[in-house]
Amino acid sequence: MKLSPKNDWVQVTPALDKKEEENEKSLVALPEDYRPMERPYKAVSVIKDSLTGAKGYKVGDAVVVPTHVIREVEIRDNKFYLVERNHIMAVVTV
């Protein structure tokens, strides 16, 4: 299944931080009401942008966004993650 973002939305994947994924897989017993501290910002990877050309983001660009603006959309057991363009704070380059 494919998703085509429109109207200034950018499709991203939150799986950029491998260390964070490893922490989620740990087998440590925690109280049921425990909630891990969520970082206020996250680097995510661009999958698809509604804009093309010089104004758009390229596939694979790492961008920084506030974690609370990442929208998860589930359609027929497929999960997609979208961020509004104006919430993208920075592009990470090496």
N, C-alpha and C. Protein backbone atom coordinates (compact mmCIF):
# COMPACT_ATOMS: atom_id res chain seq x y z
N MET A 1 0.84 -1.16 0.00
CA MET A 1 0.00 0.00 0.00
C MET A 1 0.89 1.23 0.00
N LYS A 2 0.52 2.25 -0.79
CA LYS A 2 1.28 3.49 -0.88
C LYS A 2 0.46 4.64 -0.34
N LEU A 3 1.16 5.64 0.15
CA LEU A 3 0.53 6.85 0.64
C LEU A 3 1.20 8.02 -0.07
N SER A 4 0.41 8.94 -0.58
CA SER A 4 0.95 10.13 -1.25
C SER A 4 0.56 11.37 -0.47
N PRO A 5 1.49 11.96 0.29
CA PRO A 5 1.16 13.14 1.08
C PRO A 5 0.79 14.33 0.18
N LYS A 6 -0.14 15.14 0.64
CA LYS A 6 -0.60 16.33 -0.08
C LYS A 6 -0.60 17.52 0.87
N ASN A 7 -0.81 18.72 0.31
CA ASN A 7 -1.01 19.94 1.08
C ASN A 7 0.00 20.16 2.20
N ASP A 8 1.26 20.19 1.86
CA ASP A 8 2.34 20.49 2.82
C ASP A 8 2.56 19.43 3.89
N TRP A 9 2.20 18.19 3.63
CA TRP A 9 2.51 17.10 4.54
C TRP A 9 3.71 16.33 4.00
N VAL A 10 4.53 15.80 4.91
CA VAL A 10 5.71 15.03 4.56
C VAL A 10 5.60 13.68 5.24
N GLN A 11 5.78 12.59 4.48
CA GLN A 11 5.76 11.26 5.07
C GLN A 11 7.14 10.94 5.60
N VAL A 12 7.21 10.46 6.84
CA VAL A 12 8.49 10.19 7.49
C VAL A 12 8.46 8.80 8.12
N THR A 13 9.62 8.34 8.53
CA THR A 13 9.71 7.12 9.33
C THR A 13 10.45 7.48 10.61
N PRO A 14 9.87 7.12 11.75
CA PRO A 14 10.51 7.48 13.03
C PRO A 14 11.65 6.54 13.41
N ALA A 15 11.96 5.55 12.60
CA ALA A 15 12.95 4.53 12.95
C ALA A 15 14.37 4.95 12.62
N LEU A 16 14.70 6.22 12.78
CA LEU A 16 16.05 6.69 12.48
C LEU A 16 17.02 6.40 13.62
N ASP A 17 16.53 6.39 14.85
CA ASP A 17 17.37 6.21 16.03
C ASP A 17 17.39 4.75 16.47
N LYS A 18 18.40 3.99 16.06
CA LYS A 18 18.50 2.55 16.37
C LYS A 18 18.65 2.31 17.86
N LYS A 19 19.34 3.20 18.58
CA LYS A 19 19.53 3.02 20.01
C LYS A 19 18.18 3.04 20.73
N GLU A 20 17.28 3.90 20.30
CA GLU A 20 15.95 3.99 20.89
C GLU A 20 15.18 2.69 20.66
N GLU A 21 15.28 2.11 19.46
CA GLU A 21 14.60 0.85 19.16
C GLU A 21 15.13 -0.28 20.05
N GLU A 22 16.43 -0.31 20.29
CA GLU A 22 17.01 -1.36 21.13
C GLU A 22 16.49 -1.25 22.56
N ASN A 23 16.33 -0.03 23.06
CA ASN A 23 15.82 0.17 24.40
C ASN A 23 14.38 -0.33 24.54
N GLU A 24 13.58 -0.20 23.48
CA GLU A 24 12.20 -0.66 23.52
C GLU A 24 12.10 -2.18 23.58
N LYS A 25 13.14 -2.89 23.12
CA LYS A 25 13.11 -4.34 23.08
C LYS A 25 13.68 -4.98 24.35
N SER A 26 14.11 -4.19 25.32
CA SER A 26 14.70 -4.76 26.52
C SER A 26 13.65 -5.52 27.33
N LEU A 27 14.12 -6.52 28.07
CA LEU A 27 13.22 -7.38 28.83
C LEU A 27 13.34 -7.12 30.34
N VAL A 28 13.18 -5.89 30.74
CA VAL A 28 13.25 -5.51 32.15
C VAL A 28 11.83 -5.32 32.66
N ALA A 29 11.52 -5.91 33.80
CA ALA A 29 10.18 -5.78 34.38
C ALA A 29 10.02 -4.37 34.96
N LEU A 30 8.97 -3.68 34.53
CA LEU A 30 8.68 -2.33 35.00
C LEU A 30 7.25 -2.27 35.51
N PRO A 31 6.95 -1.34 36.40
CA PRO A 31 5.56 -1.20 36.86
C PRO A 31 4.64 -0.88 35.69
N GLU A 32 3.39 -1.29 35.78
CA GLU A 32 2.46 -1.09 34.67
C GLU A 32 2.21 0.38 34.37
N ASP A 33 2.30 1.24 35.37
CA ASP A 33 2.03 2.65 35.13
C ASP A 33 3.29 3.43 34.72
N TYR A 34 4.41 2.73 34.48
CA TYR A 34 5.65 3.38 34.07
C TYR A 34 5.52 3.89 32.63
N ARG A 35 5.95 5.13 32.42
CA ARG A 35 5.99 5.71 31.08
C ARG A 35 7.38 6.27 30.87
N PRO A 36 8.09 5.82 29.85
CA PRO A 36 9.43 6.35 29.61
C PRO A 36 9.35 7.84 29.24
N MET A 37 10.37 8.57 29.65
CA MET A 37 10.41 9.99 29.34
C MET A 37 10.57 10.18 27.84
N GLU A 38 9.67 10.91 27.24
CA GLU A 38 9.73 11.14 25.80
C GLU A 38 10.54 12.40 25.53
N ARG A 39 11.46 12.29 24.59
CA ARG A 39 12.25 13.46 24.22
C ARG A 39 11.35 14.44 23.47
N PRO A 40 11.55 15.74 23.68
CA PRO A 40 10.67 16.72 23.03
C PRO A 40 10.90 16.83 21.52
N TYR A 41 12.08 16.40 21.03
CA TYR A 41 12.40 16.49 19.61
C TYR A 41 12.93 15.15 19.13
N LYS A 42 12.76 14.89 17.84
CA LYS A 42 13.21 13.61 17.29
C LYS A 42 13.69 13.82 15.86
N ALA A 43 14.75 13.10 15.50
CA ALA A 43 15.20 13.08 14.11
C ALA A 43 14.49 11.94 13.41
N VAL A 44 13.86 12.24 12.29
CA VAL A 44 13.14 11.25 11.50
C VAL A 44 13.65 11.30 10.07
N SER A 45 13.38 10.27 9.31
CA SER A 45 13.84 10.20 7.93
C SER A 45 12.67 10.42 6.97
N VAL A 46 12.88 11.26 5.96
CA VAL A 46 11.84 11.56 4.98
C VAL A 46 11.66 10.38 4.03
N ILE A 47 10.41 9.96 3.84
CA ILE A 47 10.08 8.90 2.88
C ILE A 47 9.52 9.50 1.60
N LYS A 48 8.61 10.47 1.76
CA LYS A 48 7.99 11.09 0.60
C LYS A 48 7.54 12.50 0.97
N ASP A 49 7.70 13.43 0.03
CA ASP A 49 7.32 14.82 0.27
C ASP A 49 6.25 15.22 -0.74
N SER A 50 5.30 16.04 -0.30
CA SER A 50 4.25 16.50 -1.21
C SER A 50 4.78 17.53 -2.21
N LEU A 51 5.89 18.19 -1.90
CA LEU A 51 6.52 19.13 -2.83
C LEU A 51 7.69 18.46 -3.52
N THR A 52 7.94 18.86 -4.73
CA THR A 52 9.10 18.35 -5.46
C THR A 52 9.99 19.52 -5.85
N GLY A 53 11.16 19.23 -6.30
CA GLY A 53 12.07 20.27 -6.74
C GLY A 53 12.87 20.85 -5.59
N ALA A 54 13.34 22.08 -5.76
CA ALA A 54 14.24 22.71 -4.80
C ALA A 54 13.58 22.96 -3.44
N LYS A 55 12.25 23.15 -3.41
CA LYS A 55 11.58 23.44 -2.15
C LYS A 55 11.23 22.19 -1.35
N GLY A 56 11.30 21.02 -1.98
CA GLY A 56 10.93 19.79 -1.30
C GLY A 56 12.11 19.12 -0.62
N TYR A 57 11.79 18.18 0.27
CA TYR A 57 12.82 17.38 0.93
C TYR A 57 13.08 16.13 0.10
N LYS A 58 14.32 15.66 0.13
CA LYS A 58 14.68 14.46 -0.62
C LYS A 58 14.43 13.22 0.23
N VAL A 59 14.15 12.11 -0.43
CA VAL A 59 13.98 10.84 0.26
C VAL A 59 15.27 10.53 1.01
N GLY A 60 15.15 10.20 2.29
CA GLY A 60 16.32 9.88 3.10
C GLY A 60 16.84 11.05 3.91
N ASP A 61 16.38 12.28 3.63
CA ASP A 61 16.80 13.43 4.44
C ASP A 61 16.43 13.18 5.90
N ALA A 62 17.35 13.47 6.79
CA ALA A 62 17.06 13.40 8.22
C ALA A 62 16.62 14.79 8.66
N VAL A 63 15.42 14.87 9.24
CA VAL A 63 14.88 16.15 9.68
C VAL A 63 14.52 16.07 11.16
N VAL A 64 14.56 17.21 11.84
CA VAL A 64 14.24 17.28 13.26
C VAL A 64 12.85 17.88 13.41
N VAL A 65 11.99 17.17 14.19
CA VAL A 65 10.62 17.63 14.44
C VAL A 65 10.28 17.43 15.91
N PRO A 66 9.35 18.23 16.44
CA PRO A 66 8.85 17.96 17.79
C PRO A 66 8.10 16.62 17.78
N THR A 67 8.32 15.80 18.79
CA THR A 67 7.72 14.46 18.79
C THR A 67 6.20 14.50 18.81
N HIS A 68 5.62 15.52 19.42
CA HIS A 68 4.16 15.56 19.53
C HIS A 68 3.44 15.87 18.22
N VAL A 69 4.18 16.27 17.16
CA VAL A 69 3.53 16.60 15.89
C VAL A 69 3.58 15.45 14.89
N ILE A 70 4.22 14.35 15.25
CA ILE A 70 4.27 13.19 14.35
C ILE A 70 2.92 12.49 14.42
N ARG A 71 2.24 12.40 13.30
CA ARG A 71 0.90 11.80 13.23
C ARG A 71 1.01 10.39 12.67
N GLU A 72 0.47 9.43 13.40
CA GLU A 72 0.45 8.04 12.95
C GLU A 72 -0.92 7.76 12.32
N VAL A 73 -0.91 7.28 11.09
CA VAL A 73 -2.13 6.95 10.37
C VAL A 73 -2.10 5.46 10.08
N GLU A 74 -3.13 4.74 10.51
CA GLU A 74 -3.19 3.29 10.28
C GLU A 74 -4.32 2.99 9.30
N ILE A 75 -3.96 2.33 8.19
CA ILE A 75 -4.93 1.93 7.17
C ILE A 75 -4.69 0.46 6.85
N ARG A 76 -5.67 -0.38 7.16
CA ARG A 76 -5.58 -1.82 6.89
C ARG A 76 -4.26 -2.42 7.39
N ASP A 77 -3.98 -2.26 8.63
CA ASP A 77 -2.78 -2.80 9.28
C ASP A 77 -1.47 -2.22 8.75
N ASN A 78 -1.52 -1.15 7.99
CA ASN A 78 -0.32 -0.44 7.54
C ASN A 78 -0.23 0.86 8.31
N LYS A 79 0.96 1.14 8.86
CA LYS A 79 1.15 2.38 9.61
C LYS A 79 1.98 3.35 8.78
N PHE A 80 1.52 4.59 8.74
CA PHE A 80 2.21 5.67 8.05
C PHE A 80 2.39 6.80 9.04
N TYR A 81 3.48 7.55 8.89
CA TYR A 81 3.77 8.65 9.78
C TYR A 81 3.90 9.93 8.95
N LEU A 82 3.18 10.97 9.36
CA LEU A 82 3.16 12.23 8.63
C LEU A 82 3.50 13.39 9.56
N VAL A 83 4.15 14.40 8.97
CA VAL A 83 4.49 15.62 9.69
C VAL A 83 4.15 16.79 8.78
N GLU A 84 3.54 17.83 9.32
CA GLU A 84 3.29 19.03 8.53
C GLU A 84 4.61 19.74 8.26
N ARG A 85 4.77 20.24 7.06
CA ARG A 85 6.02 20.87 6.63
C ARG A 85 6.46 21.99 7.58
N ASN A 86 5.53 22.80 8.06
CA ASN A 86 5.92 23.94 8.90
C ASN A 86 6.40 23.52 10.29
N HIS A 87 6.29 22.23 10.64
CA HIS A 87 6.80 21.76 11.93
C HIS A 87 8.24 21.23 11.82
N ILE A 88 8.75 21.10 10.61
CA ILE A 88 10.12 20.63 10.45
C ILE A 88 11.06 21.76 10.85
N MET A 89 11.90 21.48 11.85
CA MET A 89 12.75 22.51 12.43
C MET A 89 14.12 22.62 11.74
N ALA A 90 14.66 21.49 11.26
CA ALA A 90 15.99 21.51 10.70
C ALA A 90 16.24 20.25 9.90
N VAL A 91 17.21 20.32 9.00
CA VAL A 91 17.70 19.16 8.26
C VAL A 91 19.06 18.82 8.82
N VAL A 92 19.30 17.55 9.11
CA VAL A 92 20.57 17.11 9.68
C VAL A 92 21.48 16.69 8.53
N THR A 93 22.68 17.26 8.49
CA THR A 93 23.69 16.88 7.48
C THR A 93 24.98 16.52 8.19
N VAL A 94 25.75 15.69 7.56
CA VAL A 94 27.03 15.25 8.14
C VAL A 94 28.16 15.97 7.49
